[in-house]
Amino acid sequence: MKRTLSLLIAGAAMTTLALQAPATAAPVAERTPAASKAKTTTPLVIGHRGASGYRPEHTLASYELAARMGADFIEPDLVSTKDGVLVARHENEIGGTTDVANHPEFASRKTTKVVDGARLTGWFTEDFTLAELRTLRAKERLPQVRQENTMYDGLWQVPTFQEVLDLRARLSKELGRTIGVYPETKHPTYFRSIGLPLEDPLVAQLRKAGLDKAKAPVFVQSFELTNLIELRTAYRVKAPLVFLTSASGAPYDLKSSGDPRTYKDLTSAAGLRSISPWVNGIGPDKNQVIPRDPDGTLGTPTSLVRDAHAAGLKVHPYTFRNENQFLPVDYRVGTDPTAYGRAIDEQVEFLKTGIDGLFTDNTDTGVIARKEFLGRD
């Protein structure tokens, strides 16, 4: 749909009211679908950027491997090209995840921009048409950590969101089980400011795929609350929505508009109740679920999961990885930071808190941890 100035003004006004009103003040029509509040009995394993522990992230190969390893959902982060096509990249700056620096024809495209208040230098998807982006190839983002993944550098293109949806449908048929998709809108305020709103193509493609339903195998996530409220109210999206949170800082959309609330405020018991009319769940930094003690060991669980469930929200923390450097000190094995530690044990401890799913770079590890937690063979 084409958003007019009046819609933008109405959306902004509605957002302001939404952020200030308590959950009990929400119109019934805008409340989270009741079906989404059902208790999860089997936690979800979400392939973070696909199986990014084993393949360059956000490639069709990474998503396919995650599904074949047992992921319930695959997660594409979405940004826009110059011609308004949604593509899967963790950031709109692509210098670290593609071979763009090796293309002399694009040397002049290197530039410096301010995105969500951060000054970045590199190449940006919004400066490339899809046809131009197709001439690039993906590469491993963490070559020093995942050297094995570099053997796949240059093999795959940057996929479109439509290709991810098509892959999801094909694999669901081939594997005989439903594979869900968990798209994230990256920097929605920024993209809207440059005339490339992410919401229009996202909603159109979800509806075309039959995924804009309360019980559809999809979650739409964002670190910006305004974006999610607009999707629920102005766009009337029925698919489940998830508010991503961080252990520090504040949502860019709130901070840039003068709203003083932080992620900490919004994940308090009262904060969770206030956002529950518009979202179905939260995706917290895993340290918000179980923080680490000052010595780096795993600490005591917070009340976040209990508070979120009391507000009718599911909890899908991020990001679980196998390498020692990403694990609590007491779950590391040896001194090599890139070697695998006791990642299964760590995930089992988090599953004990009652989380409804988890994002992992290593899908097979998540599947095994879930089996261990549930006591299944």
Protein backbone atom coordinates (compact mmCIF):
# COMPACT_ATOMS: atom_id res chain seq x y z
CA MET A 1 0.00 0.00 0.00
CA LYS A 2 1.18 3.52 -0.64
CA ARG A 3 1.37 5.53 2.54
CA THR A 4 0.13 9.04 2.32
CA LEU A 5 1.11 12.00 4.48
CA SER A 6 -2.12 11.69 6.42
CA LEU A 7 -1.40 8.06 7.18
CA LEU A 8 2.05 8.93 8.44
CA ILE A 9 0.61 11.62 10.70
CA ALA A 10 -2.11 9.29 11.94
CA GLY A 11 0.42 6.53 12.50
CA ALA A 12 2.69 8.82 14.48
CA ALA A 13 -0.20 9.96 16.66
CA MET A 14 -1.36 6.41 17.20
CA THR A 15 2.18 5.36 18.09
CA THR A 16 2.48 8.09 20.71
CA LEU A 17 -0.76 6.99 22.31
CA ALA A 18 0.25 3.35 22.08
CA LEU A 19 3.53 3.94 23.85
CA GLN A 20 1.86 5.85 26.66
CA ALA A 21 -1.29 3.82 27.21
CA PRO A 22 -1.48 0.87 29.59
CA ALA A 23 -2.39 -2.49 28.15
CA THR A 24 -5.93 -2.27 29.50
CA ALA A 25 -6.59 0.83 27.40
CA ALA A 26 -5.97 -0.84 24.04
CA PRO A 27 -8.90 -1.24 21.64
CA VAL A 28 -10.04 -4.85 21.54
CA ALA A 29 -9.56 -4.99 17.76
CA GLU A 30 -5.87 -4.19 18.14
CA ARG A 31 -5.09 -6.75 20.80
CA THR A 32 -2.72 -9.60 20.21
CA PRO A 33 -4.59 -12.66 18.82
CA ALA A 34 -5.52 -14.96 21.67
CA ALA A 35 -4.08 -17.98 19.87
CA SER A 36 -0.61 -16.47 20.12
CA LYS A 37 -0.81 -16.51 23.92
CA ALA A 38 -1.03 -20.29 24.11
CA LYS A 39 1.78 -21.84 26.13
CA THR A 40 4.59 -23.30 24.07
CA THR A 41 5.21 -26.95 24.94
CA THR A 42 8.11 -27.53 22.53
CA PRO A 43 10.57 -24.62 22.33
CA LEU A 44 11.39 -23.43 18.83
CA VAL A 45 14.83 -23.67 17.28
CA ILE A 46 15.38 -20.63 15.07
CA GLY A 47 18.18 -20.70 12.49
CA HIS A 48 19.88 -17.36 13.13
CA ARG A 49 20.73 -15.96 9.69
CA GLY A 50 20.33 -19.57 8.59
CA ALA A 51 22.99 -22.00 9.76
CA SER A 52 25.52 -19.19 10.00
CA GLY A 53 27.88 -21.28 12.12
CA TYR A 54 28.52 -23.41 9.06
CA ARG A 55 27.84 -21.30 5.96
CA PRO A 56 28.16 -17.58 5.14
CA GLU A 57 25.16 -15.91 6.74
CA HIS A 58 22.03 -14.89 4.87
CA THR A 59 22.60 -17.11 1.87
CA LEU A 60 20.10 -19.62 0.50
CA ALA A 61 22.64 -22.33 1.33
CA SER A 62 22.72 -21.19 4.96
CA TYR A 63 18.92 -21.17 5.24
CA GLU A 64 18.60 -24.56 3.58
CA LEU A 65 21.19 -26.16 5.84
CA ALA A 66 19.42 -24.79 8.92
CA ALA A 67 16.13 -26.31 7.78
CA ARG A 68 17.74 -29.66 7.01
CA MET A 69 19.40 -29.66 10.44
CA GLY A 70 16.00 -29.30 12.07
CA ALA A 71 15.32 -25.59 12.44
CA ASP A 72 11.66 -24.72 12.94
CA PHE A 73 12.23 -21.21 11.55
CA ILE A 74 14.83 -19.55 9.34
CA GLU A 75 15.66 -15.91 9.97
CA PRO A 76 16.33 -13.41 7.16
CA ASP A 77 17.25 -9.83 8.08
CA LEU A 78 15.74 -7.49 5.49
CA VAL A 79 17.11 -4.33 3.91
CA SER A 80 16.20 -2.57 0.67
CA THR A 81 17.91 -2.10 -2.69
CA LYS A 82 17.82 1.19 -4.59
CA ASP A 83 14.85 -0.09 -6.59
CA GLY A 84 12.86 -1.11 -3.52
CA VAL A 85 13.51 -4.87 -3.45
CA LEU A 86 13.91 -6.55 -0.07
CA VAL A 87 17.12 -8.56 0.21
CA ALA A 88 18.62 -10.57 3.05
CA ARG A 89 21.60 -8.91 4.75
CA HIS A 90 22.28 -8.33 8.43
CA GLU A 91 23.10 -4.71 7.66
CA ASN A 92 22.63 -2.40 4.72
CA GLU A 93 26.42 -1.86 4.79
CA ILE A 94 27.74 -4.86 2.84
CA GLY A 95 31.52 -4.39 2.84
CA GLY A 96 31.99 -7.18 5.39
CA THR A 97 29.56 -9.73 3.96
CA THR A 98 30.11 -9.48 0.19
CA ASP A 99 33.02 -9.12 -2.24
CA VAL A 100 31.95 -5.59 -3.22
CA ALA A 101 35.42 -4.22 -2.37
CA ASN A 102 36.85 -6.38 -5.15
CA HIS A 103 34.63 -4.79 -7.81
CA PRO A 104 36.40 -1.73 -9.27
CA GLU A 105 33.21 -0.70 -11.04
CA PHE A 106 31.69 0.01 -7.62
CA ALA A 107 34.68 1.72 -6.01
CA SER A 108 32.99 5.12 -6.30
CA ARG A 109 29.98 3.84 -4.36
CA LYS A 110 31.98 3.64 -1.15
CA THR A 111 30.68 6.38 1.11
CA THR A 112 30.02 7.45 4.69
CA LYS A 113 26.51 7.61 6.12
CA VAL A 114 24.83 7.99 9.47
CA VAL A 115 22.48 5.08 10.16
CA ASP A 116 20.52 5.10 13.42
CA GLY A 117 22.94 7.65 14.82
CA ALA A 118 26.06 5.63 13.94
CA ARG A 119 28.58 6.88 11.38
CA LEU A 120 29.45 4.09 8.94
CA THR A 121 31.76 3.94 5.94
CA GLY A 122 31.31 1.33 3.23
CA TRP A 123 28.93 0.21 0.54
CA PHE A 124 25.17 0.28 1.15
CA THR A 125 22.40 -1.78 -0.41
CA GLU A 126 20.24 1.27 -1.02
CA ASP A 127 22.87 2.54 -3.49
CA PHE A 128 22.61 -0.59 -5.66
CA THR A 129 19.83 -1.83 -7.89
CA LEU A 130 18.99 -5.50 -7.53
CA ALA A 131 20.67 -6.23 -10.86
CA GLU A 132 23.88 -4.61 -9.62
CA LEU A 133 23.71 -6.40 -6.28
CA ARG A 134 23.37 -9.69 -8.15
CA THR A 135 26.88 -9.28 -9.52
CA LEU A 136 28.28 -9.56 -5.98
CA ARG A 137 28.91 -12.73 -4.00
CA ALA A 138 28.53 -13.40 -0.28
CA LYS A 139 31.44 -14.12 2.04
CA GLU A 140 31.97 -15.14 5.66
CA ARG A 141 31.48 -12.24 8.09
CA LEU A 142 33.72 -13.70 10.85
CA PRO A 143 36.66 -15.28 8.97
CA GLN A 144 38.94 -15.26 12.02
CA VAL A 145 36.34 -17.13 14.08
CA ARG A 146 34.89 -19.41 11.43
CA GLN A 147 37.77 -20.04 9.08
CA GLU A 148 36.09 -23.17 7.72
CA ASN A 149 33.27 -21.05 6.35
CA THR A 150 35.64 -19.07 4.15
CA MET A 151 35.89 -22.04 1.77
CA TYR A 152 32.39 -21.07 0.61
CA ASP A 153 33.24 -17.42 -0.08
CA GLY A 154 32.10 -16.37 -3.53
CA LEU A 155 29.70 -19.25 -4.15
CA TRP A 156 26.35 -17.59 -3.48
CA GLN A 157 24.51 -14.39 -4.29
CA VAL A 158 22.64 -12.08 -1.94
CA PRO A 159 19.11 -13.55 -1.92
CA THR A 160 15.86 -11.63 -2.19
CA PHE A 161 13.16 -12.06 0.41
CA GLN A 162 10.99 -13.65 -2.27
CA GLU A 163 13.66 -16.29 -2.86
CA VAL A 164 13.74 -17.02 0.87
CA LEU A 165 9.95 -17.43 0.90
CA ASP A 166 10.13 -19.72 -2.13
CA LEU A 167 12.85 -21.79 -0.46
CA ARG A 168 10.76 -22.07 2.70
CA ALA A 169 7.80 -23.38 0.72
CA ARG A 170 9.92 -25.87 -1.23
CA LEU A 171 11.70 -27.25 1.82
CA SER A 172 8.43 -27.57 3.74
CA LYS A 173 7.14 -29.88 1.00
CA GLU A 174 10.41 -31.73 0.59
CA LEU A 175 11.01 -32.32 4.31
CA GLY A 176 7.40 -33.06 5.12
CA ARG A 177 7.15 -30.49 7.89
CA THR A 178 6.41 -26.78 8.01
CA ILE A 179 9.43 -24.53 7.97
CA GLY A 180 8.66 -21.07 9.31
CA VAL A 181 10.21 -17.75 8.38
CA TYR A 182 11.26 -15.08 10.90
CA PRO A 183 12.06 -11.83 9.00
CA GLU A 184 13.54 -8.80 10.73
CA THR A 185 13.09 -5.27 9.45
CA LYS A 186 16.51 -3.62 9.74
CA HIS A 187 16.66 0.13 10.39
CA PRO A 188 13.03 0.81 9.39
CA THR A 189 13.13 4.47 10.45
CA TYR A 190 16.25 5.05 8.36
CA PHE A 191 14.85 3.35 5.27
CA ARG A 192 11.61 5.27 5.59
CA SER A 193 13.60 8.52 5.79
CA ILE A 194 15.25 7.86 2.42
CA GLY A 195 12.02 6.95 0.66
CA LEU A 196 12.44 3.16 0.78
CA PRO A 197 9.98 1.97 3.46
CA LEU A 198 10.40 -1.70 4.28
CA GLU A 199 6.82 -2.22 5.35
CA ASP A 200 5.13 -1.98 1.94
CA PRO A 201 7.02 -4.79 0.17
CA LEU A 202 7.20 -6.89 3.35
CA VAL A 203 3.45 -6.88 3.88
CA ALA A 204 2.72 -7.40 0.19
CA GLN A 205 5.00 -10.44 -0.03
CA LEU A 206 3.72 -12.00 3.18
CA ARG A 207 0.14 -11.67 1.97
CA LYS A 208 0.97 -13.06 -1.45
CA ALA A 209 2.55 -16.08 0.27
CA GLY A 210 -0.51 -16.53 2.52
CA LEU A 211 1.54 -15.84 5.63
CA ASP A 212 -0.27 -12.83 7.07
CA LYS A 213 -2.39 -14.88 9.46
CA ALA A 214 -2.45 -15.14 13.24
CA LYS A 215 -1.40 -18.81 13.14
CA ALA A 216 0.89 -18.60 10.10
CA PRO A 217 4.44 -20.02 10.40
CA VAL A 218 5.95 -16.56 10.59
CA PHE A 219 7.15 -14.00 13.12
CA VAL A 220 8.02 -10.45 12.06
CA GLN A 221 10.61 -8.85 14.33
CA SER A 222 12.15 -5.43 14.83
CA PHE A 223 14.30 -3.52 17.33
CA GLU A 224 11.99 -0.55 16.72
CA LEU A 225 8.64 -0.46 18.48
CA THR A 226 7.03 2.15 16.21
CA ASN A 227 7.61 -0.11 13.21
CA LEU A 228 5.77 -2.99 14.87
CA ILE A 229 2.86 -0.83 16.02
CA GLU A 230 2.47 0.52 12.49
CA LEU A 231 2.48 -3.01 11.08
CA ARG A 232 -0.26 -4.01 13.53
CA THR A 233 -2.42 -0.89 13.24
CA ALA A 234 -1.87 0.97 9.96
CA TYR A 235 -1.06 -2.14 7.91
CA ARG A 236 -3.40 -4.46 9.83
CA VAL A 237 -0.84 -7.26 9.86
CA LYS A 238 -2.27 -10.35 11.53
CA ALA A 239 0.96 -12.35 11.64
CA PRO A 240 2.72 -12.58 15.02
CA LEU A 241 5.06 -9.67 15.81
CA VAL A 242 8.15 -9.78 18.04
CA PHE A 243 9.87 -6.82 19.70
CA LEU A 244 13.64 -7.29 19.82
CA THR A 245 15.39 -5.88 22.87
CA SER A 246 18.92 -5.30 24.06
CA ALA A 247 20.64 -5.52 27.42
CA SER A 248 21.53 -1.83 27.07
CA GLY A 249 20.47 1.29 25.19
CA ALA A 250 17.11 2.27 23.74
CA PRO A 251 15.15 1.74 20.51
CA TYR A 252 16.35 4.21 17.89
CA ASP A 253 12.81 5.26 16.98
CA LEU A 254 12.04 6.25 20.57
CA LYS A 255 15.40 7.88 21.23
CA SER A 256 15.24 9.95 18.03
CA SER A 257 11.72 11.15 18.88
CA GLY A 258 12.64 12.24 22.40
CA ASP A 259 11.02 9.33 24.22
CA PRO A 260 13.29 8.66 27.23
CA ARG A 261 12.42 4.99 27.70
CA THR A 262 15.09 2.35 27.31
CA TYR A 263 15.00 -1.35 26.53
CA LYS A 264 15.31 -1.90 30.29
CA ASP A 265 12.16 0.14 30.85
CA LEU A 266 10.24 -1.70 28.14
CA THR A 267 11.21 -5.12 29.48
CA SER A 268 10.09 -4.38 33.03
CA ALA A 269 6.85 -6.05 34.08
CA ALA A 270 4.95 -2.81 33.47
CA GLY A 271 6.74 -2.17 30.19
CA LEU A 272 5.90 -5.63 28.88
CA ARG A 273 2.25 -5.13 29.73
CA SER A 274 2.26 -1.80 27.90
CA ILE A 275 3.47 -3.32 24.62
CA SER A 276 1.46 -6.54 24.78
CA PRO A 277 -1.56 -5.18 22.85
CA TRP A 278 0.60 -4.81 19.74
CA VAL A 279 3.19 -7.58 19.83
CA ASN A 280 3.09 -11.30 20.43
CA GLY A 281 6.53 -11.78 21.89
CA ILE A 282 9.94 -10.40 22.68
CA GLY A 283 13.37 -11.36 21.40
CA PRO A 284 15.74 -10.36 24.22
CA ASP A 285 19.50 -10.50 24.39
CA LYS A 286 20.11 -13.78 26.20
CA ASN A 287 21.91 -11.86 28.97
CA GLN A 288 18.54 -10.33 29.84
CA VAL A 289 17.29 -13.85 30.61
CA ILE A 290 20.35 -15.09 32.49
CA PRO A 291 23.01 -12.40 33.03
CA ARG A 292 26.64 -13.19 33.61
CA ASP A 293 28.28 -12.59 36.96
CA PRO A 294 31.22 -10.16 37.19
CA ASP A 295 33.67 -13.05 36.69
CA GLY A 296 32.00 -13.98 33.39
CA THR A 297 30.25 -17.11 34.67
CA LEU A 298 26.55 -17.74 34.13
CA GLY A 299 24.49 -16.02 36.80
CA THR A 300 20.96 -16.33 38.15
CA PRO A 301 17.88 -16.05 35.89
CA THR A 302 15.99 -12.78 35.99
CA SER A 303 12.21 -12.48 36.14
CA LEU A 304 11.99 -11.56 32.43
CA VAL A 305 10.53 -14.83 31.19
CA ARG A 306 7.97 -14.96 33.99
CA ASP A 307 7.02 -11.31 33.47
CA ALA A 308 6.71 -11.73 29.70
CA HIS A 309 4.53 -14.80 30.05
CA ALA A 310 2.35 -12.97 32.55
CA ALA A 311 1.83 -10.31 29.85
CA GLY A 312 0.94 -13.02 27.30
CA LEU A 313 4.22 -12.70 25.39
CA LYS A 314 6.49 -15.42 24.07
CA VAL A 315 10.24 -15.17 24.66
CA HIS A 316 12.84 -16.04 21.99
CA PRO A 317 16.32 -14.92 23.17
CA TYR A 318 19.36 -14.45 20.94
CA THR A 319 22.09 -15.46 20.04
CA PHE A 320 23.43 -18.87 20.98
CA ARG A 321 26.77 -19.85 19.44
CA ASN A 322 29.14 -22.77 19.96
CA GLU A 323 32.49 -21.02 20.15
CA ASN A 324 34.16 -20.42 23.52
CA GLN A 325 34.37 -16.67 23.05
CA PHE A 326 30.58 -16.43 22.97
CA LEU A 327 30.00 -18.67 26.01
CA PRO A 328 30.02 -17.95 29.75
CA VAL A 329 33.44 -18.63 31.28
CA ASP A 330 32.24 -21.74 33.09
CA TYR A 331 30.99 -23.27 29.82
CA ARG A 332 34.25 -22.86 27.89
CA VAL A 333 36.52 -25.79 27.06
CA GLY A 334 40.23 -25.10 26.70
CA THR A 335 41.79 -21.75 25.87
CA ASP A 336 41.18 -21.45 22.12
CA PRO A 337 38.45 -18.77 21.73
CA THR A 338 37.32 -20.26 18.42
CA ALA A 339 37.04 -23.85 19.75
CA TYR A 340 33.66 -25.25 20.73
CA GLY A 341 32.66 -25.17 24.38
CA ARG A 342 29.74 -26.65 26.31
CA ALA A 343 27.11 -24.96 24.16
CA ILE A 344 24.54 -27.71 24.60
CA ASP A 345 24.71 -27.41 28.38
CA GLU A 346 24.37 -23.63 28.18
CA GLN A 347 21.26 -23.85 26.04
CA VAL A 348 19.68 -26.44 28.33
CA GLU A 349 20.11 -24.03 31.25
CA PHE A 350 18.31 -21.32 29.29
CA LEU A 351 15.54 -23.71 28.26
CA LYS A 352 14.97 -24.43 31.96
CA THR A 353 13.89 -20.79 32.42
CA GLY A 354 10.81 -21.44 30.30
CA ILE A 355 11.84 -19.63 27.11
CA ASP A 356 9.67 -20.44 24.10
CA GLY A 357 12.51 -20.76 21.62
CA LEU A 358 16.03 -19.61 20.88
CA PHE A 359 18.09 -18.14 18.06
CA THR A 360 21.20 -20.13 17.28
CA ASP A 361 23.98 -20.00 14.69
CA ASN A 362 24.34 -23.76 15.08
CA THR A 363 20.98 -25.35 14.42
CA ASP A 364 22.06 -28.90 15.18
CA THR A 365 23.28 -27.83 18.62
CA GLY A 366 19.93 -26.20 19.35
CA VAL A 367 18.04 -29.33 18.26
CA ILE A 368 20.17 -31.54 20.50
CA ALA A 369 19.85 -29.15 23.45
CA ARG A 370 16.07 -29.17 23.07
CA LYS A 371 16.03 -32.98 23.04
CA GLU A 372 18.18 -33.05 26.17
CA PHE A 373 15.89 -30.57 27.89
CA LEU A 374 12.74 -32.47 26.96
CA GLY A 375 14.32 -35.80 27.86
CA ARG A 376 13.82 -37.25 24.39
CA ASP A 377 15.99 -39.77 22.57
